[in-house]
Amino acid sequence: MIDSHCHLNCLKNGEHLSGVKTYLDEAAEHGVEGFLCVSIDLETYPSVLALAHHFPNVYASVGVHPNHDEGREPSEKELIEFAEDKRVIAIGETGLDYFHLKGDPSFQQQRFITHINAARHCDKPLIIHTRDAREDTIDLMQKFDAADAGGVMHCFTETWDMAQQALDMDFYISFSGIITFKSAEDLREVVKQVPMDRILIETDSPYLAPVPHRGKQNQPAYVRYVAECVAELKQVSVENIIQQTTENFNRLFKLDA
């Protein structure tokens, strides 16, 4: 399995290589062999990249989360330069999040556009975060040709209609431990409809631990619970989901070779 979206540096003791190794070793015991450690700001990006250079099965992204309102604002040129590192396989996470937003959303929108343009320039996929911003997210993806870069709608919690619009732009849909929550019945229906060759699985650790660990710190080992839930919903074997999502990850992030 591959945990297609985690924040290893944000885990407890994640600031130490020995601490991260403990999580990776436990994940390996559960069959998780690959990890994409996702950047949320430029201040901690060096630690994300350091993990990708230290552990051969950890990859990195570069980007600034839409909710991040402190620290440096990324320029398109800066993102492109960071993405030249071979261990960086994606731009993001980026997108729109109006759930906590107070005031004008234009700064989030401009940041999102910057990331889209950078991804198109360096031909690396986007990792898109969207919450309470369905129309604007799809609108900006369409207007600024996000399909040219491709990417993934990470930790997807939206409607089938939005999933369809993203799929039409050749994006992948990634599901997290949220699909195991009792309250996520509608989202589980979306899982059933997304084509198998477009699904990724993730933890978004240290957040959103799946049942039966809900309320505790999430970690990459728990992506197995997501795989098991998807398998049940798709009525296929867990092995099938593991193989398919691994192939999908490698195809999206151009790791087939």
Protein backbone atom coordinates (compact mmCIF):
# COMPACT_ATOMS: atom_id res chain seq x y z
CA MET A 1 0.00 0.00 0.00
CA ILE A 2 0.92 3.63 -0.43
CA ASP A 3 -0.21 6.40 1.90
CA SER A 4 -0.73 9.04 -0.78
CA HIS A 5 -1.04 11.95 1.64
CA CYS A 6 0.50 12.30 5.09
CA HIS A 7 2.32 14.90 7.16
CA LEU A 8 5.10 12.85 8.72
CA ASN A 9 6.85 15.91 10.13
CA CYS A 10 3.68 16.83 12.06
CA LEU A 11 3.43 13.52 13.91
CA LYS A 12 4.45 13.32 17.55
CA ASN A 13 8.27 13.13 17.50
CA GLY A 14 8.08 13.73 13.75
CA GLU A 15 10.74 16.41 14.04
CA HIS A 16 13.28 13.62 14.63
CA LEU A 17 14.35 11.08 12.00
CA SER A 18 14.24 8.33 14.62
CA GLY A 19 10.65 9.24 15.44
CA VAL A 20 9.59 9.13 11.80
CA LYS A 21 11.40 5.81 11.32
CA THR A 22 9.29 4.31 14.10
CA TYR A 23 6.10 5.24 12.22
CA LEU A 24 7.45 3.97 8.91
CA ASP A 25 8.49 0.68 10.48
CA GLU A 26 5.04 0.19 11.99
CA ALA A 27 3.45 1.06 8.65
CA ALA A 28 5.63 -1.54 6.93
CA GLU A 29 4.32 -4.18 9.36
CA HIS A 30 0.82 -3.36 8.05
CA GLY A 31 1.87 -3.56 4.39
CA VAL A 32 2.39 0.17 3.77
CA GLU A 33 5.54 0.66 1.74
CA GLY A 34 5.30 4.13 0.19
CA PHE A 35 4.52 7.61 1.50
CA LEU A 36 3.92 11.07 0.09
CA CYS A 37 4.80 13.65 2.75
CA VAL A 38 2.86 16.78 1.88
CA SER A 39 3.98 20.36 2.43
CA ILE A 40 1.66 22.92 4.01
CA ASP A 41 3.98 25.95 4.22
CA LEU A 42 7.39 27.11 3.09
CA GLU A 43 8.72 27.38 6.64
CA THR A 44 8.48 23.62 7.29
CA TYR A 45 9.07 22.55 3.68
CA PRO A 46 12.82 21.93 4.32
CA SER A 47 11.93 19.31 6.95
CA VAL A 48 9.50 17.65 4.52
CA LEU A 49 12.16 17.52 1.83
CA ALA A 50 14.77 16.22 4.29
CA LEU A 51 12.56 13.23 5.07
CA ALA A 52 12.20 12.45 1.36
CA HIS A 53 15.96 12.55 0.93
CA HIS A 54 16.62 10.42 3.99
CA PHE A 55 14.01 7.67 3.45
CA PRO A 56 13.98 6.12 -0.04
CA ASN A 57 10.27 5.26 0.13
CA VAL A 58 9.16 8.78 1.14
CA TYR A 59 8.39 11.42 -1.49
CA ALA A 60 7.67 15.11 -0.98
CA SER A 61 5.44 17.85 -2.33
CA VAL A 62 5.90 21.61 -2.15
CA GLY A 63 3.12 24.11 -1.53
CA VAL A 64 1.24 26.30 0.92
CA HIS A 65 -2.11 25.24 2.37
CA PRO A 66 -5.05 27.59 1.70
CA ASN A 67 -5.59 28.10 5.44
CA HIS A 68 -1.98 29.10 6.11
CA ASP A 69 -2.02 32.83 6.81
CA GLU A 70 1.41 33.34 8.34
CA GLY A 71 4.86 33.07 6.83
CA ARG A 72 6.01 33.56 3.26
CA GLU A 73 3.61 33.65 0.33
CA PRO A 74 4.91 31.39 -2.45
CA SER A 75 5.67 32.81 -5.86
CA GLU A 76 5.22 30.77 -9.01
CA LYS A 77 8.96 30.99 -9.70
CA GLU A 78 9.81 29.78 -6.20
CA LEU A 79 7.49 26.77 -6.42
CA ILE A 80 8.94 25.82 -9.79
CA GLU A 81 12.49 26.03 -8.45
CA PHE A 82 11.65 23.88 -5.41
CA ALA A 83 9.93 21.34 -7.65
CA GLU A 84 13.15 20.77 -9.60
CA ASP A 85 14.27 18.45 -6.80
CA LYS A 86 13.74 14.85 -7.96
CA ARG A 87 12.21 13.87 -4.61
CA VAL A 88 9.42 16.43 -5.11
CA ILE A 89 6.67 14.76 -7.11
CA ALA A 90 3.74 17.15 -6.64
CA ILE A 91 2.66 20.76 -6.09
CA GLY A 92 0.52 21.36 -3.02
CA GLU A 93 -1.33 21.01 -0.99
CA THR A 94 -3.25 23.90 -2.43
CA GLY A 95 -6.86 24.81 -3.11
CA LEU A 96 -9.66 26.64 -1.34
CA ASP A 97 -11.03 26.28 2.19
CA TYR A 98 -13.86 28.61 3.14
CA PHE A 99 -14.85 26.68 6.27
CA HIS A 100 -12.64 28.75 8.59
CA LEU A 101 -12.31 31.74 6.28
CA LYS A 102 -13.13 35.18 7.62
CA GLY A 103 -13.38 37.94 5.06
CA ASP A 104 -12.31 38.16 1.44
CA PRO A 105 -11.34 34.81 -0.19
CA SER A 106 -9.28 36.48 -2.91
CA PHE A 107 -5.93 35.71 -1.26
CA GLN A 108 -6.76 31.99 -1.26
CA GLN A 109 -7.88 32.17 -4.87
CA GLN A 110 -4.73 33.93 -6.02
CA ARG A 111 -2.57 31.45 -4.10
CA PHE A 112 -4.44 28.58 -5.76
CA ILE A 113 -3.89 30.12 -9.21
CA THR A 114 -0.17 30.48 -8.45
CA HIS A 115 0.06 26.78 -7.62
CA ILE A 116 -1.89 25.75 -10.72
CA ASN A 117 0.40 27.80 -12.95
CA ALA A 118 3.51 26.40 -11.27
CA ALA A 119 2.26 22.82 -11.65
CA ARG A 120 1.52 23.36 -15.34
CA HIS A 121 4.97 24.89 -15.88
CA CYS A 122 6.92 22.08 -14.20
CA ASP A 123 4.56 19.27 -15.28
CA LYS A 124 3.93 17.95 -11.79
CA PRO A 125 0.48 17.01 -10.45
CA LEU A 126 -1.53 19.16 -8.07
CA ILE A 127 -2.68 18.07 -4.62
CA ILE A 128 -5.96 19.92 -4.12
CA HIS A 129 -7.68 20.61 -0.81
CA THR A 130 -11.26 21.86 -1.00
CA ARG A 131 -13.77 22.55 1.76
CA ASP A 132 -16.99 24.53 1.49
CA ALA A 133 -15.74 25.95 -1.82
CA ARG A 134 -17.04 23.56 -4.47
CA GLU A 135 -18.02 26.03 -7.17
CA ASP A 136 -14.96 28.28 -6.86
CA THR A 137 -12.57 25.32 -6.75
CA ILE A 138 -13.91 23.78 -9.95
CA ASP A 139 -14.22 27.19 -11.59
CA LEU A 140 -10.56 28.06 -11.02
CA MET A 141 -9.43 24.57 -12.04
CA GLN A 142 -11.27 25.00 -15.33
CA LYS A 143 -10.32 28.63 -16.00
CA PHE A 144 -6.61 28.08 -15.35
CA ASP A 145 -6.31 24.70 -17.08
CA ALA A 146 -5.49 22.56 -14.05
CA ALA A 147 -6.17 19.54 -16.27
CA ASP A 148 -2.87 20.26 -18.04
CA ALA A 149 -1.05 19.35 -14.83
CA GLY A 150 -3.49 16.78 -13.49
CA GLY A 151 -3.57 15.81 -9.86
CA VAL A 152 -5.71 14.58 -7.02
CA MET A 153 -8.62 15.87 -4.96
CA HIS A 154 -7.23 14.87 -1.60
CA CYS A 155 -9.23 13.75 1.44
CA PHE A 156 -12.37 14.04 -0.66
CA THR A 157 -15.55 14.81 1.29
CA GLU A 158 -17.68 16.46 -1.37
CA THR A 159 -20.51 15.38 -3.66
CA TRP A 160 -20.55 12.95 -6.58
CA ASP A 161 -21.27 15.91 -8.86
CA MET A 162 -18.01 17.57 -7.84
CA ALA A 163 -16.14 14.28 -8.14
CA GLN A 164 -17.46 13.91 -11.70
CA GLN A 165 -16.27 17.39 -12.64
CA ALA A 166 -12.80 16.62 -11.27
CA LEU A 167 -12.74 13.25 -13.03
CA ASP A 168 -13.64 15.00 -16.28
CA MET A 169 -10.40 16.97 -15.87
CA ASP A 170 -8.50 13.67 -15.43
CA PHE A 171 -8.06 14.17 -11.70
CA TYR A 172 -7.90 11.35 -9.19
CA ILE A 173 -10.04 11.15 -6.05
CA SER A 174 -8.36 10.27 -2.74
CA PHE A 175 -10.27 8.98 0.26
CA SER A 176 -9.19 9.11 3.90
CA GLY A 177 -10.32 7.57 7.16
CA ILE A 178 -13.41 9.79 7.04
CA ILE A 179 -15.11 7.10 4.94
CA THR A 180 -15.09 4.84 8.02
CA PHE A 181 -17.04 7.35 10.12
CA LYS A 182 -20.64 6.49 10.91
CA SER A 183 -21.74 9.93 9.67
CA ALA A 184 -20.14 9.48 6.22
CA GLU A 185 -22.90 7.50 4.52
CA ASP A 186 -23.19 9.94 1.60
CA LEU A 187 -19.44 9.92 1.07
CA ARG A 188 -19.40 6.13 0.98
CA GLU A 189 -21.89 6.32 -1.89
CA VAL A 190 -19.39 8.52 -3.75
CA VAL A 191 -16.68 5.89 -3.19
CA LYS A 192 -18.89 3.31 -4.88
CA GLN A 193 -19.18 5.48 -7.99
CA VAL A 194 -15.58 6.61 -8.53
CA PRO A 195 -13.84 4.38 -11.12
CA MET A 196 -11.29 1.99 -9.67
CA ASP A 197 -8.50 3.39 -11.82
CA ARG A 198 -9.02 6.86 -10.33
CA ILE A 199 -8.98 6.10 -6.58
CA LEU A 200 -6.17 6.82 -4.14
CA ILE A 201 -6.08 6.10 -0.39
CA GLU A 202 -4.51 8.26 2.30
CA THR A 203 -4.38 8.97 6.02
CA ASP A 204 -3.80 12.75 6.10
CA SER A 205 -2.03 11.82 9.33
CA PRO A 206 -1.73 13.00 12.04
CA TYR A 207 -5.36 14.04 11.43
CA LEU A 208 -8.61 12.13 10.87
CA ALA A 209 -7.76 8.73 12.30
CA PRO A 210 -10.14 6.08 10.98
CA VAL A 211 -12.39 3.82 13.00
CA PRO A 212 -11.33 2.02 15.23
CA HIS A 213 -8.71 4.66 16.16
CA ARG A 214 -10.92 7.72 15.74
CA GLY A 215 -10.01 10.50 18.16
CA LYS A 216 -6.38 9.40 18.41
CA GLN A 217 -3.35 10.51 16.43
CA ASN A 218 -3.54 9.13 12.91
CA GLN A 219 -0.48 7.50 11.33
CA PRO A 220 0.42 5.92 7.98
CA ALA A 221 -0.13 2.35 9.22
CA TYR A 222 -3.83 3.14 9.47
CA VAL A 223 -4.24 3.56 5.71
CA ARG A 224 -5.03 -0.17 5.75
CA TYR A 225 -8.41 0.63 7.33
CA VAL A 226 -9.17 2.93 4.40
CA ALA A 227 -8.21 0.20 1.94
CA GLU A 228 -10.44 -2.29 3.75
CA CYS A 229 -13.40 0.09 3.70
CA VAL A 230 -12.98 0.83 -0.01
CA ALA A 231 -12.75 -2.90 -0.71
CA GLU A 232 -15.99 -3.52 1.16
CA LEU A 233 -17.78 -0.73 -0.68
CA LYS A 234 -16.46 -1.86 -4.07
CA GLN A 235 -17.14 -5.53 -3.21
CA VAL A 236 -13.64 -6.62 -4.16
CA SER A 237 -10.71 -8.01 -2.21
CA VAL A 238 -8.42 -5.78 -0.16
CA GLU A 239 -5.55 -7.12 -2.27
CA ASN A 240 -7.32 -5.79 -5.35
CA ILE A 241 -7.61 -2.32 -3.81
CA ILE A 242 -3.98 -2.35 -2.71
CA GLN A 243 -2.76 -3.28 -6.18
CA GLN A 244 -5.06 -0.84 -7.98
CA THR A 245 -4.37 2.19 -5.75
CA THR A 246 -0.63 1.55 -5.92
CA GLU A 247 -0.79 1.46 -9.72
CA ASN A 248 -2.89 4.63 -9.68
CA PHE A 249 -0.39 6.43 -7.45
CA ASN A 250 2.57 5.46 -9.62
CA ARG A 251 0.74 6.50 -12.78
CA LEU A 252 -0.39 9.87 -11.44
CA PHE A 253 2.98 10.84 -9.99
CA LYS A 254 4.93 9.44 -12.96
CA LEU A 255 6.74 6.76 -10.97
CA ASP A 256 5.96 3.85 -13.30
CA ALA A 257 9.59 3.58 -14.35
